[in-house]
C-alpha atoms as a PDB file:
ATOM      1  CA  MET A   1      -5.322   1.431  15.488  1.00  0.00           C
ATOM      2  CA  SER A   2      -6.137  -2.117  16.597  1.00  0.00           C
ATOM      3  CA  GLU A   3      -9.659  -2.220  15.199  1.00  0.00           C
ATOM      4  CA  ARG A   4     -10.143  -4.634  12.307  1.00  0.00           C
ATOM      5  CA  LEU A   5     -11.673  -2.882   9.313  1.00  0.00           C
ATOM      6  CA  LYS A   6     -13.412  -4.360   6.285  1.00  0.00           C
ATOM      7  CA  GLY A   7     -13.056  -3.646   2.606  1.00  0.00           C
ATOM      8  CA  GLY A   8     -13.152  -5.185  -0.833  1.00  0.00           C
ATOM      9  CA  CYS A   9     -12.990  -4.838  -4.567  1.00  0.00           C
ATOM     10  CA  LEU A  10     -15.402  -3.129  -6.962  1.00  0.00           C
ATOM     11  CA  CYS A  11     -17.277  -6.280  -8.004  1.00  0.00           C
ATOM     12  CA  GLY A  12     -17.417  -7.813  -4.515  1.00  0.00           C
ATOM     13  CA  ALA A  13     -15.582 -11.036  -5.422  1.00  0.00           C
ATOM     14  CA  VAL A  14     -12.839 -10.184  -2.902  1.00  0.00           C
ATOM     15  CA  ARG A  15     -13.517  -9.014   0.657  1.00  0.00           C
ATOM     16  CA  PHE A  16     -10.887  -8.491   3.337  1.00  0.00           C
ATOM     17  CA  THR A  17     -10.498  -7.674   7.000  1.00  0.00           C
ATOM     18  CA  ALA A  18      -7.347  -6.009   8.318  1.00  0.00           C
ATOM     19  CA  ALA A  19      -6.111  -4.058  11.335  1.00  0.00           C
ATOM     20  CA  PRO A  20      -4.252  -0.972  10.098  1.00  0.00           C
ATOM     21  CA  GLU A  21      -1.133  -0.145  12.124  1.00  0.00           C
ATOM     22  CA  ASN A  22      -2.453   3.409  12.583  1.00  0.00           C
ATOM     23  CA  SER A  23      -4.978   5.825  11.082  1.00  0.00           C
ATOM     24  CA  GLU A  24      -2.500   7.293   8.562  1.00  0.00           C
ATOM     25  CA  MET A  25      -2.638   7.018   4.784  1.00  0.00           C
ATOM     26  CA  GLY A  26       0.406   7.481   2.593  1.00  0.00           C
ATOM     27  CA  VAL A  27       0.727   8.014  -1.131  1.00  0.00           C
ATOM     28  CA  CYS A  28       3.295   6.438  -3.438  1.00  0.00           C
ATOM     29  CA  HIS A  29       4.290   8.334  -6.581  1.00  0.00           C
ATOM     30  CA  CYS A  30       6.628   5.687  -8.064  1.00  0.00           C
ATOM     31  CA  SER A  31       6.163   4.958 -11.744  1.00  0.00           C
ATOM     32  CA  MET A  32       4.996   1.382 -11.063  1.00  0.00           C
ATOM     33  CA  CYS A  33       2.266   2.486  -8.621  1.00  0.00           C
ATOM     34  CA  ARG A  34       1.094   5.209 -11.003  1.00  0.00           C
ATOM     35  CA  ARG A  35       0.740   2.716 -13.870  1.00  0.00           C
ATOM     36  CA  TRP A  36      -0.856   0.074 -11.619  1.00  0.00           C
ATOM     37  CA  THR A  37      -3.523   2.383 -10.201  1.00  0.00           C
ATOM     38  CA  GLY A  38      -3.943   4.950 -12.951  1.00  0.00           C
ATOM     39  CA  GLY A  39      -2.978   7.646 -10.432  1.00  0.00           C
ATOM     40  CA  THR A  40      -1.170   7.255  -7.132  1.00  0.00           C
ATOM     41  CA  PHE A  41      -1.313   4.351  -4.707  1.00  0.00           C
ATOM     42  CA  MET A  42      -3.037   5.623  -1.566  1.00  0.00           C
ATOM     43  CA  ALA A  43      -2.088   3.038   1.019  1.00  0.00           C
ATOM     44  CA  VAL A  44      -2.487   2.050   4.643  1.00  0.00           C
ATOM     45  CA  SER A  45       0.161  -0.052   6.398  1.00  0.00           C
ATOM     46  CA  CYS A  46      -1.387  -3.222   7.809  1.00  0.00           C
ATOM     47  CA  GLY A  47       1.493  -5.255   9.249  1.00  0.00           C
ATOM     48  CA  THR A  48       2.355  -8.597   7.686  1.00  0.00           C
ATOM     49  CA  SER A  49       0.515 -10.644   5.082  1.00  0.00           C
ATOM     50  CA  ASP A  50      -0.640 -13.006   7.856  1.00  0.00           C
ATOM     51  CA  SER A  51      -2.574 -10.148   9.495  1.00  0.00           C
ATOM     52  CA  VAL A  52      -4.935  -9.738   6.517  1.00  0.00           C
ATOM     53  CA  GLU A  53      -7.911 -12.104   6.192  1.00  0.00           C
ATOM     54  CA  VAL A  54      -9.221 -12.504   2.633  1.00  0.00           C
ATOM     55  CA  ASP A  55     -12.516 -13.993   1.438  1.00  0.00           C
ATOM     56  CA  GLY A  56     -12.503 -14.749  -2.286  1.00  0.00           C
ATOM     57  CA  GLN A  57      -8.883 -15.898  -2.599  1.00  0.00           C
ATOM     58  CA  GLU A  58      -9.744 -17.598  -5.907  1.00  0.00           C
ATOM     59  CA  ALA A  59     -10.396 -14.173  -7.469  1.00  0.00           C
ATOM     60  CA  LEU A  60      -7.012 -12.728  -6.441  1.00  0.00           C
ATOM     61  CA  GLY A  61      -4.369 -12.004  -9.032  1.00  0.00           C
ATOM     62  CA  VAL A  62      -0.727 -11.485  -8.046  1.00  0.00           C
ATOM     63  CA  PHE A  63       1.870  -9.652 -10.118  1.00  0.00           C
ATOM     64  CA  LYS A  64       5.512  -9.862  -8.994  1.00  0.00           C
ATOM     65  CA  SER A  65       6.593  -6.315  -9.833  1.00  0.00           C
ATOM     66  CA  SER A  66      10.142  -6.491  -8.450  1.00  0.00           C
ATOM     67  CA  ASP A  67      12.569  -8.847  -6.749  1.00  0.00           C
ATOM     68  CA  TYR A  68      10.979  -7.967  -3.416  1.00  0.00           C
ATOM     69  CA  GLY A  69       7.411  -6.769  -4.070  1.00  0.00           C
ATOM     70  CA  GLU A  70       4.059  -8.078  -5.296  1.00  0.00           C
ATOM     71  CA  ARG A  71       0.909  -6.279  -6.347  1.00  0.00           C
ATOM     72  CA  VAL A  72      -2.379  -8.013  -5.552  1.00  0.00           C
ATOM     73  CA  PHE A  73      -5.611  -7.220  -7.379  1.00  0.00           C
ATOM     74  CA  CYS A  74      -9.040  -8.655  -8.168  1.00  0.00           C
ATOM     75  CA  SER A  75      -8.663 -10.725 -11.322  1.00  0.00           C
ATOM     76  CA  ARG A  76     -12.358 -10.192 -12.144  1.00  0.00           C
ATOM     77  CA  CYS A  77     -12.798  -6.401 -11.903  1.00  0.00           C
ATOM     78  CA  GLY A  78      -9.166  -5.242 -11.771  1.00  0.00           C
ATOM     79  CA  THR A  79      -9.327  -3.389  -8.434  1.00  0.00           C
ATOM     80  CA  SER A  80      -5.852  -2.661  -7.028  1.00  0.00           C
ATOM     81  CA  LEU A  81      -6.018  -4.106  -3.516  1.00  0.00           C
ATOM     82  CA  LEU A  82      -2.606  -4.336  -1.906  1.00  0.00           C
ATOM     83  CA  TRP A  83       1.145  -4.183  -2.241  1.00  0.00           C
ATOM     84  CA  ARG A  84       3.171  -6.660  -0.215  1.00  0.00           C
ATOM     85  CA  MET A  85       6.724  -7.762   0.326  1.00  0.00           C
ATOM     86  CA  ALA A  86       7.225 -11.101  -1.427  1.00  0.00           C
ATOM     87  CA  ASP A  87       8.353 -12.622   1.888  1.00  0.00           C
ATOM     88  CA  GLY A  88       5.118 -11.474   3.584  1.00  0.00           C
ATOM     89  CA  SER A  89       6.924  -9.177   6.033  1.00  0.00           C
ATOM     90  CA  HIS A  90       4.869  -6.094   5.089  1.00  0.00           C
ATOM     91  CA  VAL A  91       1.538  -5.334   3.456  1.00  0.00           C
ATOM     92  CA  SER A  92       0.001  -2.006   2.463  1.00  0.00           C
ATOM     93  CA  ILE A  93      -3.666  -2.024   1.515  1.00  0.00           C
ATOM     94  CA  SER A  94      -5.321   0.458  -0.821  1.00  0.00           C
ATOM     95  CA  ALA A  95      -6.980   3.033   1.429  1.00  0.00           C
ATOM     96  CA  GLN A  96      -9.788   3.404  -1.086  1.00  0.00           C
ATOM     97  CA  ALA A  97     -10.565  -0.342  -0.943  1.00  0.00           C
ATOM     98  CA  PHE A  98     -11.635  -0.037   2.708  1.00  0.00           C
ATOM     99  CA  ASP A  99     -15.378   0.376   3.223  1.00  0.00           C
ATOM    100  CA  ASP A 100     -14.760   3.721   4.983  1.00  0.00           C
ATOM    101  CA  PRO A 101     -11.599   5.315   3.574  1.00  0.00           C
ATOM    102  CA  SER A 102     -12.387   8.539   5.434  1.00  0.00           C
ATOM    103  CA  ALA A 103     -11.048   6.814   8.576  1.00  0.00           C
ATOM    104  CA  PHE A 104      -7.506   7.607   7.392  1.00  0.00           C
ATOM    105  CA  LYS A 105      -5.618  10.897   7.503  1.00  0.00           C
ATOM    106  CA  PHE A 106      -3.344  11.693   4.541  1.00  0.00           C
ATOM    107  CA  THR A 107       0.094  12.173   6.145  1.00  0.00           C
ATOM    108  CA  SER A 108       2.927  11.109   3.828  1.00  0.00           C
ATOM    109  CA  GLU A 109       4.165  10.816   0.253  1.00  0.00           C
ATOM    110  CA  ILE A 110       6.965   8.581  -0.984  1.00  0.00           C
ATOM    111  CA  PHE A 111       8.992   8.454  -4.205  1.00  0.00           C
ATOM    112  CA  VAL A 112       8.313  12.160  -4.666  1.00  0.00           C
ATOM    113  CA  ASP A 113      11.297  12.279  -7.026  1.00  0.00           C
ATOM    114  CA  GLU A 114       9.228  10.175  -9.462  1.00  0.00           C
ATOM    115  CA  GLN A 115       6.046  12.240  -9.119  1.00  0.00           C
ATOM    116  CA  SER A 116       4.564  13.304 -12.432  1.00  0.00           C
ATOM    117  CA  ALA A 117       4.610  17.054 -13.047  1.00  0.00           C
ATOM    118  CA  ASN A 118       0.914  17.173 -13.966  1.00  0.00           C
ATOM    119  CA  TYR A 119      -0.497  16.959 -10.413  1.00  0.00           C
ATOM    120  CA  ALA A 120       0.237  17.973  -6.810  1.00  0.00           C
ATOM    121  CA  PHE A 121      -1.534  17.517  -3.486  1.00  0.00           C
ATOM    122  CA  ALA A 122      -2.362  20.547  -1.341  1.00  0.00           C
ATOM    123  CA  ASN A 123      -2.064  18.674   1.976  1.00  0.00           C
ATOM    124  CA  GLU A 124       0.914  19.200   4.301  1.00  0.00           C
ATOM    125  CA  THR A 125       2.695  15.810   4.303  1.00  0.00           C
ATOM    126  CA  ARG A 126       6.020  14.173   5.090  1.00  0.00           C
ATOM    127  CA  ARG A 127       7.741  13.714   1.726  1.00  0.00           C
ATOM    128  CA  MET A 128      10.503  11.200   0.913  1.00  0.00           C
ATOM    129  CA  THR A 129      12.441  10.505  -2.279  1.00  0.00           C
ATOM    130  CA  GLY A 130      13.012   6.973  -3.539  1.00  0.00           C
ATOM    131  CA  PRO A 131      16.559   6.758  -2.129  1.00  0.00           C
ATOM    132  CA  GLU A 132      15.294   8.022   1.253  1.00  0.00           C
ATOM    133  CA  VAL A 133      12.557   5.351   1.297  1.00  0.00           C
ATOM    134  CA  ILE A 134      15.023   2.573   0.426  1.00  0.00           C
ATOM    135  CA  ALA A 135      17.477   3.782   3.111  1.00  0.00           C
ATOM    136  CA  TYR A 136      14.687   3.943   5.703  1.00  0.00           C
ATOM    137  CA  PHE A 137      13.458   0.394   5.035  1.00  0.00           C
ATOM    138  CA  THR A 138      16.992  -0.994   4.782  1.00  0.00           C
ATOM    139  CA  GLN A 139      17.836   0.497   8.182  1.00  0.00           C
ATOM    140  CA  LYS A 140      14.532  -0.723   9.638  1.00  0.00           C
ATOM    141  CA  THR A 141      15.115  -4.330   8.521  1.00  0.00           C
ATOM    142  CA  GLN A 142      18.853  -4.475   9.316  1.00  0.00           C
ATOM    143  CA  GLY A 143      18.803  -2.462  12.532  1.00  0.00           C
ATOM    144  CA  PRO A 144      21.528  -0.094  13.684  1.00  0.00           C
ATOM    145  CA  GLN A 145      24.982  -0.861  12.328  1.00  0.00           C
ATOM    146  CA  ASN A 146      27.921  -1.356  14.706  1.00  0.00           C
ATOM    147  CA  ALA A 147      30.921   0.896  14.084  1.00  0.00           C
END
């Protein structure tokens, strides 16, 4: 998907434009995402931080939630907007913050080993545990290892 899509926060103080890498939406069940969003983080991969244009930067809040990740939100209304690698190498935007979230197909779930027992999705999805997610991204960033 090369089309740039628009979105923003609840109060309108922050607006963004981004080109999602594809039309897929994934869900993160990790304990941090569940606390941050009050549910699950439904996200769309949008490349690097440089690929997202933001109007209303002064209203952005940033919380460094780990050694490698940051959560970005509207400091006025509290809308969860995006998760990004601290080095800017990856950004996932809240699917529900896009003006038309129906553009995305729900295809994957990560950190399923941390999923709370009080809910489940009916959709057929690819499901990965936390260790599987970490291994996938480690391999992706380091490339194939020589024997």
